[in-house]
PDB file of N, CA and C in Angstrom:
ATOM      1  N   MET A   1      82.978 127.435  68.932  1.00  0.00           N
ATOM      2  CA  MET A   1      82.024 127.317  70.049  1.00  0.00           C
ATOM      3  C   MET A   1      80.652 126.947  69.565  1.00  0.00           C
ATOM      4  N   GLN A   2      80.146 127.732  68.538  1.00  0.00           N
ATOM      5  CA  GLN A   2      78.811 127.456  68.041  1.00  0.00           C
ATOM      6  C   GLN A   2      78.737 126.057  67.431  1.00  0.00           C
ATOM      7  N   LYS A   3      79.802 125.703  66.724  1.00  0.00           N
ATOM      8  CA  LYS A   3      79.860 124.374  66.042  1.00  0.00           C
ATOM      9  C   LYS A   3      79.745 123.258  67.094  1.00  0.00           C
ATOM     10  N   GLY A   4      80.484 123.446  68.156  1.00  0.00           N
ATOM     11  CA  GLY A   4      80.460 122.442  69.229  1.00  0.00           C
ATOM     12  C   GLY A   4      79.060 122.276  69.832  1.00  0.00           C
ATOM     13  N   LEU A   5      78.386 123.361  70.000  1.00  0.00           N
ATOM     14  CA  LEU A   5      77.015 123.343  70.520  1.00  0.00           C
ATOM     15  C   LEU A   5      76.083 122.606  69.562  1.00  0.00           C
ATOM     16  N   ALA A   6      76.268 122.911  68.332  1.00  0.00           N
ATOM     17  CA  ALA A   6      75.398 122.254  67.274  1.00  0.00           C
ATOM     18  C   ALA A   6      75.619 120.745  67.286  1.00  0.00           C
ATOM     19  N   VAL A   7      76.875 120.337  67.399  1.00  0.00           N
ATOM     20  CA  VAL A   7      77.148 118.884  67.438  1.00  0.00           C
ATOM     21  C   VAL A   7      76.553 118.288  68.705  1.00  0.00           C
ATOM     22  N   ALA A   8      76.690 118.987  69.840  1.00  0.00           N
ATOM     23  CA  ALA A   8      76.106 118.431  71.065  1.00  0.00           C
ATOM     24  C   ALA A   8      74.612 118.273  70.962  1.00  0.00           C
ATOM     25  N   ASN A   9      73.954 119.279  70.385  1.00  0.00           N
ATOM     26  CA  ASN A   9      72.510 119.210  70.199  1.00  0.00           C
ATOM     27  C   ASN A   9      72.102 118.029  69.309  1.00  0.00           C
ATOM     28  N   LYS A  10      72.868 117.871  68.199  1.00  0.00           N
ATOM     29  CA  LYS A  10      72.594 116.787  67.300  1.00  0.00           C
ATOM     30  C   LYS A  10      72.747 115.413  68.020  1.00  0.00           C
ATOM     31  N   ASN A  11      73.801 115.287  68.814  1.00  0.00           N
ATOM     32  CA  ASN A  11      74.004 114.048  69.591  1.00  0.00           C
ATOM     33  C   ASN A  11      72.856 113.814  70.574  1.00  0.00           C
ATOM     34  N   ASN A  12      72.406 114.880  71.239  1.00  0.00           N
ATOM     35  CA  ASN A  12      71.296 114.727  72.221  1.00  0.00           C
ATOM     36  C   ASN A  12      70.016 114.275  71.453  1.00  0.00           C
ATOM     37  N   LEU A  13      69.822 114.853  70.275  1.00  0.00           N
ATOM     38  CA  LEU A  13      68.660 114.513  69.466  1.00  0.00           C
ATOM     39  C   LEU A  13      68.712 113.045  69.052  1.00  0.00           C
ATOM     40  N   LEU A  14      69.925 112.596  68.575  1.00  0.00           N
ATOM     41  CA  LEU A  14      70.077 111.218  68.197  1.00  0.00           C
ATOM     42  C   LEU A  14      69.871 110.283  69.387  1.00  0.00           C
ATOM     43  N   PHE A  15      70.438 110.687  70.535  1.00  0.00           N
ATOM     44  CA  PHE A  15      70.277 109.879  71.727  1.00  0.00           C
ATOM     45  C   PHE A  15      68.796 109.773  72.092  1.00  0.00           C
ATOM     46  N   GLY A  16      68.124 110.895  72.062  1.00  0.00           N
ATOM     47  CA  GLY A  16      66.678 110.911  72.366  1.00  0.00           C
ATOM     48  C   GLY A  16      65.900 110.021  71.452  1.00  0.00           C
ATOM     49  N   LEU A  17      66.165 110.055  70.164  1.00  0.00           N
ATOM     50  CA  LEU A  17      65.476 109.176  69.208  1.00  0.00           C
ATOM     51  C   LEU A  17      65.784 107.728  69.502  1.00  0.00           C
ATOM     52  N   ALA A  18      67.044 107.409  69.762  1.00  0.00           N
ATOM     53  CA  ALA A  18      67.393 105.993  70.002  1.00  0.00           C
ATOM     54  C   ALA A  18      66.695 105.559  71.276  1.00  0.00           C
ATOM     55  N   HIS A  19      66.608 106.418  72.278  1.00  0.00           N
ATOM     56  CA  HIS A  19      65.966 106.066  73.553  1.00  0.00           C
ATOM     57  C   HIS A  19      64.467 105.838  73.323  1.00  0.00           C
ATOM     58  N   LYS A  20      63.818 106.710  72.572  1.00  0.00           N
ATOM     59  CA  LYS A  20      62.409 106.506  72.268  1.00  0.00           C
ATOM     60  C   LYS A  20      62.210 105.228  71.542  1.00  0.00           C
ATOM     61  N   ARG A  21      63.075 104.951  70.563  1.00  0.00           N
ATOM     62  CA  ARG A  21      62.923 103.732  69.785  1.00  0.00           C
ATOM     63  C   ARG A  21      63.082 102.469  70.680  1.00  0.00           C
ATOM     64  N   SER A  22      64.053 102.489  71.581  1.00  0.00           N
ATOM     65  CA  SER A  22      64.251 101.310  72.446  1.00  0.00           C
ATOM     66  C   SER A  22      63.098 101.178  73.416  1.00  0.00           C
ATOM     67  N   SER A  23      62.484 102.297  73.902  1.00  0.00           N
ATOM     68  CA  SER A  23      61.340 102.180  74.779  1.00  0.00           C
ATOM     69  C   SER A  23      60.165 101.604  74.015  1.00  0.00           C
ATOM     70  N   LEU A  24      60.025 102.017  72.761  1.00  0.00           N
ATOM     71  CA  LEU A  24      58.920 101.452  71.980  1.00  0.00           C
ATOM     72  C   LEU A  24      59.134  99.980  71.725  1.00  0.00           C
ATOM     73  N   LEU A  25      60.380  99.605  71.496  1.00  0.00           N
ATOM     74  CA  LEU A  25      60.687  98.209  71.274  1.00  0.00           C
ATOM     75  C   LEU A  25      60.367  97.408  72.536  1.00  0.00           C
ATOM     76  N   LEU A  26      60.766  97.937  73.673  1.00  0.00           N
ATOM     77  CA  LEU A  26      60.455  97.287  74.953  1.00  0.00           C
ATOM     78  C   LEU A  26      58.951  97.131  75.162  1.00  0.00           C
ATOM     79  N   LEU A  27      58.201  98.146  74.894  1.00  0.00           N
ATOM     80  CA  LEU A  27      56.753  98.154  75.024  1.00  0.00           C
ATOM     81  C   LEU A  27      56.137  97.067  74.099  1.00  0.00           C
ATOM     82  N   THR A  28      56.682  97.018  72.865  1.00  0.00           N
ATOM     83  CA  THR A  28      56.159  96.040  71.907  1.00  0.00           C
ATOM     84  C   THR A  28      56.443  94.611  72.406  1.00  0.00           C
ATOM     85  N   LEU A  29      57.650  94.420  72.917  1.00  0.00           N
ATOM     86  CA  LEU A  29      58.022  93.082  73.443  1.00  0.00           C
ATOM     87  C   LEU A  29      57.139  92.714  74.626  1.00  0.00           C
ATOM     88  N   LEU A  30      56.880  93.683  75.507  1.00  0.00           N
ATOM     89  CA  LEU A  30      55.997  93.445  76.620  1.00  0.00           C
ATOM     90  C   LEU A  30      54.625  93.077  76.174  1.00  0.00           C
ATOM     91  N   ARG A  31      54.115  93.797  75.203  1.00  0.00           N
ATOM     92  CA  ARG A  31      52.791  93.470  74.661  1.00  0.00           C
ATOM     93  C   ARG A  31      52.736  92.098  74.058  1.00  0.00           C
ATOM     94  N   LEU A  32      53.741  91.735  73.304  1.00  0.00           N
ATOM     95  CA  LEU A  32      53.771  90.416  72.652  1.00  0.00           C
ATOM     96  C   LEU A  32      53.820  89.333  73.761  1.00  0.00           C
ATOM     97  N   ASN A  33      54.598  89.577  74.798  1.00  0.00           N
ATOM     98  CA  ASN A  33      54.699  88.639  75.929  1.00  0.00           C
ATOM     99  C   ASN A  33      53.313  88.476  76.565  1.00  0.00           C
ATOM    100  N   LEU A  34      52.674  89.588  76.810  1.00  0.00           N
ATOM    101  CA  LEU A  34      51.313  89.530  77.421  1.00  0.00           C
ATOM    102  C   LEU A  34      50.339  88.776  76.508  1.00  0.00           C
ATOM    103  N   ALA A  35      50.436  89.059  75.186  1.00  0.00           N
ATOM    104  CA  ALA A  35      49.572  88.444  74.223  1.00  0.00           C
ATOM    105  C   ALA A  35      49.769  86.917  74.252  1.00  0.00           C
ATOM    106  N   GLU A  36      50.992  86.509  74.397  1.00  0.00           N
ATOM    107  CA  GLU A  36      51.237  85.038  74.463  1.00  0.00           C
ATOM    108  C   GLU A  36      50.565  84.469  75.690  1.00  0.00           C
ATOM    109  N   ARG A  37      50.646  85.216  76.782  1.00  0.00           N
ATOM    110  CA  ARG A  37      50.005  84.689  78.058  1.00  0.00           C
ATOM    111  C   ARG A  37      48.508  84.698  78.046  1.00  0.00           C
ATOM    112  N   TYR A  38      47.995  85.727  77.400  1.00  0.00           N
ATOM    113  CA  TYR A  38      46.506  85.844  77.369  1.00  0.00           C
ATOM    114  C   TYR A  38      46.017  85.729  75.951  1.00  0.00           C
ATOM    115  N   LYS A  39      46.064  84.546  75.407  1.00  0.00           N
ATOM    116  CA  LYS A  39      45.725  84.325  73.996  1.00  0.00           C
ATOM    117  C   LYS A  39      44.272  84.657  73.744  1.00  0.00           C
ATOM    118  N   ASP A  40      43.405  84.636  74.778  1.00  0.00           N
ATOM    119  CA  ASP A  40      41.990  84.932  74.552  1.00  0.00           C
ATOM    120  C   ASP A  40      41.767  86.410  74.248  1.00  0.00           C
ATOM    121  N   LEU A  41      42.753  87.269  74.595  1.00  0.00           N
ATOM    122  CA  LEU A  41      42.686  88.699  74.227  1.00  0.00           C
ATOM    123  C   LEU A  41      42.958  88.802  72.714  1.00  0.00           C
ATOM    124  N   THR A  42      42.160  89.454  71.996  1.00  0.00           N
ATOM    125  CA  THR A  42      42.437  89.628  70.557  1.00  0.00           C
ATOM    126  C   THR A  42      43.534  90.680  70.388  1.00  0.00           C
ATOM    127  N   LEU A  43      44.311  90.498  69.339  1.00  0.00           N
ATOM    128  CA  LEU A  43      45.361  91.503  69.105  1.00  0.00           C
ATOM    129  C   LEU A  43      44.803  92.845  68.745  1.00  0.00           C
ATOM    130  N   GLU A  44      43.617  92.887  68.191  1.00  0.00           N
ATOM    131  CA  GLU A  44      43.030  94.194  67.867  1.00  0.00           C
ATOM    132  C   GLU A  44      42.812  94.994  69.117  1.00  0.00           C
ATOM    133  N   ASN A  45      42.268  94.368  70.158  1.00  0.00           N
ATOM    134  CA  ASN A  45      42.101  95.056  71.428  1.00  0.00           C
ATOM    135  C   ASN A  45      43.433  95.513  71.999  1.00  0.00           C
ATOM    136  N   PHE A  46      44.427  94.710  71.701  1.00  0.00           N
ATOM    137  CA  PHE A  46      45.791  94.967  72.280  1.00  0.00           C
ATOM    138  C   PHE A  46      46.390  96.289  71.810  1.00  0.00           C
ATOM    139  N   TYR A  47      46.154  96.613  70.482  1.00  0.00           N
ATOM    140  CA  TYR A  47      46.872  97.779  69.931  1.00  0.00           C
ATOM    141  C   TYR A  47      46.038  99.029  69.980  1.00  0.00           C
ATOM    142  N   LEU A  48      44.903  99.006  70.630  1.00  0.00           N
ATOM    143  CA  LEU A  48      44.104 100.226  70.759  1.00  0.00           C
ATOM    144  C   LEU A  48      44.644 101.149  71.852  1.00  0.00           C
TER     145      LEU A  48
END
């Protein structure tokens, strides 16, 4: 029983990390897309 719970927790943790990573990736892609559209905005301003 305990072992099953530990595995479930580990899977949830991995899923959470993967989800965070994909959201970060999406945000980065959105930012790059916006940067392409608004070239007058400097990238320094973008990542603040």
